[in-house]
Amino acid sequence: MSKKAAVDDARKLSGPEKAAVVLLSLGEEHTVLWQQLDDEEIKEVSQAMAGLGTVTAHVVEEVLVEFVSGIGGSGSLMGSYEQTQRLLASFMPGDRVDALMEEIRGPAGRTMWDKLGNVNEAVLANYLKNEYPQTVAVVLSKIKPDHASRVLTALPEDFALECVQRMLRMEPVQRDILDKIEQTLRTEFMSNLARTSKRDSHELMADIFNSFDRQTEARFIGALEERSRDSAERIRALMFVFEDLSRLDPGGVQTLLRAVEKDQLGLALKGASDALREMFFSNMSERASKIMREDMDSMGPVRLKDVDSAQMTMVQVAKDLAARGEIMLAGQGGDDELIY
């Protein structure tokens, strides 16, 4: 992953980022300023600081002048997780710093078990396969059943069966044992995961491209192909677009039809391929299909941006349904891959 570009324009900084610049330039000797912030403000500024990267000297100066007229910056500075943690530790209890930094680093979740629910099952299984079966049984009993089932599937079969047997025989877990397991997960697993599991930049960009209208998407993909064909192809492969709904099974199509507003469906299908349009019609009753066709005919010409918006809405509804486990979306990487 390429290095984050230095911030060279103060206008690009948000309010929390400007506050982070000021606090970083003041350093550890002036942490009394942090004590004037409440927990939510501390978290917001800390998050901005941790992701700040390099800020050029002239931007530091502009920000400081904006806060305190006449004060200039003396050089560039770097905001990082380590620098943020060191500053917080100079005035905040260690356990509170650890909890705050854990929340900043992710995965998101209010409790340890919420956080584990946001960890990919293969990653979690790879860690748990080296633990005692009894410990794994406790962990699997604390996370959501659907996630536990995926983790069990990813574990070696004999080991997974042993864990299942332990879960069947398991009695209520004492609080001190549960606390010890949580602490081990926090210190040995989640902290390492936060340092190593950066989201692939192409996945992030695919999500952004999915939100473009059709013309903007084509313009950006075309321009990117001229500079980096490999990146353009990776982004295109990761994108989930309206026509990919053609891979829904009949039950998924019917679930989606019930969740989408009829006017949005009509607009979206106006710009769909004949094959996709017929797939949706074939999953409606004969009467509903006839009414939808008549409604679409009565629309007359429609604006491309309205069609794009309706199709994007349908794709988002489909993703939301998939995230709740109500439908399955087959990705472009293969029939068995799921996109949420």
Protein backbone atom coordinates (compact mmCIF):
# COMPACT_ATOMS: atom_id res chain seq x y z
CA MET A 1 0.00 0.00 0.00
CA SER A 2 1.41 3.37 -0.96
CA LYS A 3 2.47 5.87 1.68
CA LYS A 4 -0.16 8.44 2.62
CA ALA A 5 0.55 11.80 0.98
CA ALA A 6 1.59 14.64 3.27
CA VAL A 7 -1.10 17.20 4.08
CA ASP A 8 -0.04 20.38 2.30
CA ASP A 9 -3.23 22.47 2.44
CA ALA A 10 -4.81 23.55 5.73
CA ARG A 11 -8.20 23.81 4.00
CA LYS A 12 -8.24 20.03 3.59
CA LEU A 13 -8.18 19.50 7.35
CA SER A 14 -11.36 18.95 9.34
CA GLY A 15 -11.95 20.61 12.71
CA PRO A 16 -10.79 17.57 14.73
CA GLU A 17 -7.70 17.26 12.51
CA LYS A 18 -6.80 20.91 13.13
CA ALA A 19 -7.21 20.35 16.85
CA ALA A 20 -4.95 17.31 16.54
CA VAL A 21 -2.29 19.40 14.78
CA VAL A 22 -2.35 21.98 17.59
CA LEU A 23 -2.16 19.36 20.35
CA LEU A 24 0.64 17.48 18.58
CA SER A 25 2.67 20.66 18.17
CA LEU A 26 2.21 21.55 21.84
CA GLY A 27 3.43 18.08 22.80
CA GLU A 28 3.36 16.18 26.07
CA GLU A 29 4.14 19.21 28.26
CA HIS A 30 0.73 20.76 27.60
CA THR A 31 -1.60 17.80 28.09
CA VAL A 32 -3.63 19.90 30.51
CA LEU A 33 -5.58 21.01 27.41
CA TRP A 34 -6.82 17.45 26.95
CA GLN A 35 -8.38 17.58 30.40
CA GLN A 36 -10.80 20.23 29.15
CA LEU A 37 -12.31 17.74 26.67
CA ASP A 38 -15.00 15.19 27.43
CA ASP A 39 -14.61 11.52 26.46
CA GLU A 40 -16.38 11.90 23.12
CA GLU A 41 -14.23 14.89 22.15
CA ILE A 42 -11.07 13.06 23.22
CA LYS A 43 -12.08 10.09 21.06
CA GLU A 44 -12.84 12.26 18.05
CA VAL A 45 -9.56 14.19 18.28
CA SER A 46 -7.62 10.98 18.98
CA GLN A 47 -9.08 9.30 15.91
CA ALA A 48 -8.16 12.33 13.80
CA MET A 49 -4.64 12.37 15.28
CA ALA A 50 -4.04 8.66 14.74
CA GLY A 51 -4.88 8.92 11.05
CA LEU A 52 -3.27 12.29 10.39
CA GLY A 53 0.04 11.21 8.88
CA THR A 54 2.59 13.86 7.88
CA VAL A 55 1.60 17.53 7.98
CA THR A 56 3.93 19.98 6.27
CA ALA A 57 5.49 22.84 8.21
CA HIS A 58 3.57 25.60 6.47
CA VAL A 59 0.26 23.86 7.18
CA VAL A 60 1.21 23.55 10.85
CA GLU A 61 1.90 27.27 10.84
CA GLU A 62 -1.41 28.13 9.17
CA VAL A 63 -3.34 26.02 11.68
CA LEU A 64 -1.55 27.51 14.67
CA VAL A 65 -2.08 31.02 13.37
CA GLU A 66 -5.75 30.22 12.99
CA PHE A 67 -5.90 29.14 16.65
CA VAL A 68 -3.53 31.64 18.20
CA SER A 69 -2.69 34.68 16.09
CA GLY A 70 1.04 35.32 15.71
CA ILE A 71 2.29 31.82 16.61
CA GLY A 72 4.13 29.98 13.82
CA GLY A 73 5.04 26.34 13.36
CA SER A 74 8.65 25.19 13.60
CA GLY A 75 8.55 22.09 11.45
CA SER A 76 6.55 19.17 10.13
CA LEU A 77 5.06 16.58 12.48
CA MET A 78 3.65 13.09 12.29
CA GLY A 79 0.41 11.86 13.80
CA SER A 80 0.35 8.13 14.49
CA TYR A 81 -1.22 5.56 16.80
CA GLU A 82 1.96 5.42 18.86
CA GLN A 83 2.22 9.21 19.26
CA THR A 84 -1.46 9.44 20.15
CA GLN A 85 -1.17 6.68 22.73
CA ARG A 86 1.91 8.31 24.30
CA LEU A 87 0.17 11.67 24.62
CA LEU A 88 -2.96 10.14 26.14
CA ALA A 89 -0.90 8.07 28.58
CA SER A 90 0.71 11.21 30.00
CA PHE A 91 -2.55 12.27 31.67
CA MET A 92 -5.00 9.36 31.42
CA PRO A 93 -5.05 6.03 33.33
CA GLY A 94 -3.49 3.16 31.39
CA ASP A 95 -6.63 1.01 31.23
CA ARG A 96 -8.64 3.93 29.86
CA VAL A 97 -5.94 4.65 27.24
CA ASP A 98 -5.89 0.99 26.17
CA ALA A 99 -9.68 0.89 25.86
CA LEU A 100 -9.74 4.12 23.84
CA MET A 101 -6.93 3.05 21.49
CA GLU A 102 -8.58 -0.34 21.01
CA GLU A 103 -11.77 1.41 19.92
CA ILE A 104 -9.85 3.68 17.54
CA ARG A 105 -7.97 0.78 15.97
CA GLY A 106 -11.06 -1.45 15.59
CA PRO A 107 -12.72 -3.71 14.69
CA ALA A 108 -15.79 -1.82 15.81
CA GLY A 109 -17.90 -3.05 18.70
CA ARG A 110 -18.88 -2.05 22.21
CA THR A 111 -17.76 -5.30 23.90
CA MET A 112 -15.06 -7.83 23.10
CA TRP A 113 -17.69 -10.23 21.82
CA ASP A 114 -19.15 -7.53 19.53
CA LYS A 115 -15.65 -6.94 18.18
CA LEU A 116 -15.09 -10.64 17.51
CA GLY A 117 -18.34 -10.64 15.56
CA ASN A 118 -16.72 -8.20 13.11
CA VAL A 119 -13.64 -10.36 12.58
CA ASN A 120 -13.50 -12.52 9.47
CA GLU A 121 -14.22 -16.14 10.39
CA ALA A 122 -11.05 -17.45 8.68
CA VAL A 123 -8.89 -14.98 10.63
CA LEU A 124 -10.58 -15.85 13.92
CA ALA A 125 -10.38 -19.60 13.23
CA ASN A 126 -6.67 -19.31 12.40
CA TYR A 127 -6.09 -17.84 15.88
CA LEU A 128 -8.41 -20.16 17.78
CA LYS A 129 -7.00 -23.38 16.28
CA ASN A 130 -3.93 -22.90 18.49
CA GLU A 131 -5.99 -22.46 21.69
CA TYR A 132 -7.34 -25.10 24.09
CA PRO A 133 -10.65 -26.60 22.89
CA GLN A 134 -12.30 -25.49 26.14
CA THR A 135 -11.24 -21.87 25.53
CA VAL A 136 -12.55 -22.06 21.96
CA ALA A 137 -15.82 -23.50 23.25
CA VAL A 138 -16.24 -20.51 25.59
CA VAL A 139 -15.48 -18.03 22.79
CA LEU A 140 -17.90 -19.71 20.36
CA SER A 141 -20.63 -19.75 23.00
CA LYS A 142 -20.28 -15.97 23.44
CA ILE A 143 -20.46 -14.87 19.79
CA LYS A 144 -23.52 -14.97 17.54
CA PRO A 145 -24.55 -18.47 16.37
CA ASP A 146 -24.26 -17.70 12.64
CA HIS A 147 -20.73 -16.39 13.11
CA ALA A 148 -19.81 -19.32 15.37
CA SER A 149 -20.99 -21.75 12.68
CA ARG A 150 -18.72 -20.13 10.08
CA VAL A 151 -15.75 -20.23 12.48
CA LEU A 152 -16.38 -23.94 13.22
CA THR A 153 -16.47 -24.65 9.49
CA ALA A 154 -13.08 -22.95 9.08
CA LEU A 155 -11.45 -24.95 11.92
CA PRO A 156 -9.78 -28.36 11.35
CA GLU A 157 -12.57 -30.93 11.45
CA ASP A 158 -11.35 -33.03 14.42
CA PHE A 159 -10.57 -29.93 16.45
CA ALA A 160 -13.96 -28.40 15.60
CA LEU A 161 -15.74 -31.59 16.72
CA GLU A 162 -13.84 -31.53 20.02
CA CYS A 163 -14.95 -27.91 20.53
CA VAL A 164 -18.57 -28.86 19.80
CA GLN A 165 -18.42 -31.63 22.39
CA ARG A 166 -16.97 -29.22 24.96
CA MET A 167 -19.78 -26.75 24.20
CA LEU A 168 -22.40 -29.49 24.71
CA ARG A 169 -20.95 -30.36 28.13
CA MET A 170 -20.13 -26.80 29.17
CA GLU A 171 -21.42 -25.44 32.47
CA PRO A 172 -21.75 -21.72 33.34
CA VAL A 173 -18.32 -20.08 33.07
CA GLN A 174 -16.94 -18.35 36.16
CA ARG A 175 -16.57 -14.59 35.83
CA ASP A 176 -12.82 -14.59 36.53
CA ILE A 177 -12.17 -17.18 33.80
CA LEU A 178 -14.28 -15.22 31.33
CA ASP A 179 -12.41 -12.03 32.23
CA LYS A 180 -9.08 -13.80 31.68
CA ILE A 181 -10.18 -15.03 28.24
CA GLU A 182 -11.37 -11.52 27.31
CA GLN A 183 -8.06 -10.04 28.43
CA THR A 184 -6.08 -12.60 26.43
CA LEU A 185 -8.16 -11.90 23.32
CA ARG A 186 -7.66 -8.17 23.81
CA THR A 187 -3.91 -8.26 24.32
CA GLU A 188 -2.85 -11.17 22.10
CA PHE A 189 -5.38 -11.15 19.28
CA MET A 190 -7.22 -7.86 18.84
CA SER A 191 -4.15 -5.67 19.26
CA ASN A 192 -2.20 -7.67 16.66
CA LEU A 193 -5.22 -7.74 14.37
CA ALA A 194 -5.53 -3.95 14.50
CA ARG A 195 -1.91 -3.55 13.45
CA THR A 196 -2.08 -6.04 10.59
CA SER A 197 -5.60 -6.02 9.13
CA LYS A 198 -5.72 -2.86 7.08
CA ARG A 199 -8.59 -2.82 4.62
CA ASP A 200 -7.43 -3.25 1.05
CA SER A 201 -7.49 0.11 -0.70
CA HIS A 202 -9.02 -1.42 -3.82
CA GLU A 203 -12.00 -2.68 -1.76
CA LEU A 204 -12.52 0.80 -0.37
CA MET A 205 -12.30 2.33 -3.84
CA ALA A 206 -14.75 -0.24 -5.24
CA ASP A 207 -17.30 0.88 -2.63
CA ILE A 208 -16.72 4.50 -3.65
CA PHE A 209 -17.03 3.68 -7.36
CA ASN A 210 -20.27 1.80 -6.62
CA SER A 211 -21.70 5.09 -5.36
CA PHE A 212 -20.82 7.03 -8.53
CA ASP A 213 -23.42 7.62 -11.21
CA ARG A 214 -22.76 5.71 -14.42
CA GLN A 215 -21.04 8.54 -16.29
CA THR A 216 -18.74 9.46 -13.40
CA GLU A 217 -17.84 5.81 -12.85
CA ALA A 218 -16.98 5.35 -16.53
CA ARG A 219 -14.88 8.54 -16.52
CA PHE A 220 -12.86 7.53 -13.47
CA ILE A 221 -12.38 3.91 -14.58
CA GLY A 222 -11.29 5.09 -18.02
CA ALA A 223 -8.80 7.57 -16.59
CA LEU A 224 -7.47 4.99 -14.13
CA GLU A 225 -6.99 2.41 -16.89
CA GLU A 226 -4.63 4.82 -18.65
CA ARG A 227 -2.46 5.10 -15.52
CA SER A 228 -2.83 1.67 -13.90
CA ARG A 229 -4.73 -1.01 -15.80
CA ASP A 230 -4.18 -3.54 -12.99
CA SER A 231 -5.79 -1.26 -10.40
CA ALA A 232 -8.73 -0.51 -12.69
CA GLU A 233 -9.33 -4.21 -13.29
CA ARG A 234 -9.12 -5.04 -9.56
CA ILE A 235 -11.62 -2.31 -8.71
CA ARG A 236 -13.99 -3.40 -11.46
CA ALA A 237 -13.82 -7.01 -10.23
CA LEU A 238 -14.63 -5.95 -6.65
CA MET A 239 -17.56 -3.72 -7.58
CA PHE A 240 -21.11 -5.02 -7.18
CA VAL A 241 -23.35 -3.37 -9.77
CA PHE A 242 -27.02 -3.54 -10.69
CA GLU A 243 -26.59 -6.18 -13.40
CA ASP A 244 -24.97 -8.51 -10.82
CA LEU A 245 -28.45 -8.93 -9.33
CA SER A 246 -29.02 -11.39 -12.19
CA ARG A 247 -27.21 -13.99 -10.06
CA LEU A 248 -29.85 -13.87 -7.31
CA ASP A 249 -31.80 -17.08 -6.82
CA PRO A 250 -35.63 -16.89 -7.20
CA GLY A 251 -36.16 -16.61 -3.44
CA GLY A 252 -33.66 -13.75 -3.27
CA VAL A 253 -35.36 -11.93 -6.14
CA GLN A 254 -38.74 -12.18 -4.43
CA THR A 255 -37.32 -10.98 -1.12
CA LEU A 256 -35.74 -8.03 -2.88
CA LEU A 257 -38.96 -7.22 -4.73
CA ARG A 258 -40.84 -7.02 -1.42
CA ALA A 259 -38.23 -4.63 0.00
CA VAL A 260 -38.04 -2.16 -2.92
CA GLU A 261 -40.46 0.69 -3.57
CA LYS A 262 -42.47 0.01 -6.75
CA ASP A 263 -41.65 3.39 -8.33
CA GLN A 264 -37.92 2.81 -7.73
CA LEU A 265 -38.20 -0.68 -9.22
CA GLY A 266 -39.87 0.65 -12.36
CA LEU A 267 -37.20 3.32 -12.84
CA ALA A 268 -34.37 0.86 -12.25
CA LEU A 269 -35.78 -1.68 -14.72
CA LYS A 270 -36.13 1.01 -17.40
CA GLY A 271 -32.32 0.94 -17.67
CA ALA A 272 -31.85 -2.80 -17.15
CA SER A 273 -30.86 -5.34 -19.78
CA ASP A 274 -33.69 -7.35 -21.31
CA ALA A 275 -32.50 -10.50 -19.54
CA LEU A 276 -32.44 -8.89 -16.09
CA ARG A 277 -35.77 -7.20 -16.67
CA GLU A 278 -37.39 -10.51 -17.62
CA MET A 279 -35.84 -12.20 -14.57
CA PHE A 280 -37.62 -9.74 -12.28
CA PHE A 281 -40.89 -9.99 -14.21
CA SER A 282 -40.80 -13.80 -14.09
CA ASN A 283 -40.65 -13.65 -10.28
CA MET A 284 -43.79 -11.48 -10.05
CA SER A 285 -47.37 -12.61 -10.33
CA GLU A 286 -48.84 -12.24 -13.80
CA ARG A 287 -50.99 -9.35 -12.61
CA ALA A 288 -48.12 -7.53 -10.85
CA SER A 289 -45.89 -8.00 -13.90
CA LYS A 290 -48.57 -6.56 -16.20
CA ILE A 291 -49.09 -3.53 -13.95
CA MET A 292 -45.33 -2.89 -13.71
CA ARG A 293 -44.92 -3.06 -17.50
CA GLU A 294 -47.79 -0.60 -17.93
CA ASP A 295 -46.33 1.76 -15.32
CA MET A 296 -42.95 1.67 -17.08
CA ASP A 297 -44.54 2.40 -20.44
CA SER A 298 -46.46 5.33 -18.99
CA MET A 299 -43.21 6.87 -17.65
CA GLY A 300 -42.05 7.73 -21.13
CA PRO A 301 -38.42 8.93 -21.42
CA VAL A 302 -36.63 9.14 -18.05
CA ARG A 303 -33.40 10.85 -17.07
CA LEU A 304 -30.31 8.67 -16.92
CA LYS A 305 -29.34 10.03 -13.50
CA ASP A 306 -32.78 9.03 -12.12
CA VAL A 307 -32.33 5.49 -13.44
CA ASP A 308 -28.82 5.33 -11.96
CA SER A 309 -30.12 6.52 -8.61
CA ALA A 310 -32.90 3.92 -8.57
CA GLN A 311 -30.48 1.13 -9.49
CA MET A 312 -28.02 2.22 -6.78
CA THR A 313 -30.90 2.17 -4.29
CA MET A 314 -31.80 -1.39 -5.28
CA VAL A 315 -28.18 -2.53 -4.98
CA GLN A 316 -27.94 -0.99 -1.50
CA VAL A 317 -31.20 -2.64 -0.42
CA ALA A 318 -29.82 -5.96 -1.70
CA LYS A 319 -26.58 -5.47 0.27
CA ASP A 320 -28.54 -4.62 3.42
CA LEU A 321 -30.66 -7.77 3.00
CA ALA A 322 -27.49 -9.83 2.48
CA ALA A 323 -25.89 -8.35 5.59
CA ARG A 324 -28.94 -9.52 7.57
CA GLY A 325 -28.71 -12.97 6.02
CA GLU A 326 -32.03 -12.68 4.19
CA ILE A 327 -30.56 -13.13 0.69
CA MET A 328 -27.26 -14.30 -0.78
CA LEU A 329 -25.33 -12.24 -3.28
CA ALA A 330 -22.88 -14.14 -5.48
CA GLY A 331 -19.77 -12.08 -6.17
CA GLN A 332 -17.79 -11.86 -9.36
CA GLY A 333 -14.95 -13.81 -7.78
CA GLY A 334 -16.97 -17.06 -7.96
CA ASP A 335 -20.38 -18.51 -7.28
CA ASP A 336 -19.52 -19.30 -3.68
CA GLU A 337 -18.18 -15.87 -2.74
CA LEU A 338 -20.51 -13.56 -0.86
CA ILE A 339 -20.55 -9.78 -1.03
CA TYR A 340 -22.12 -7.94 1.90
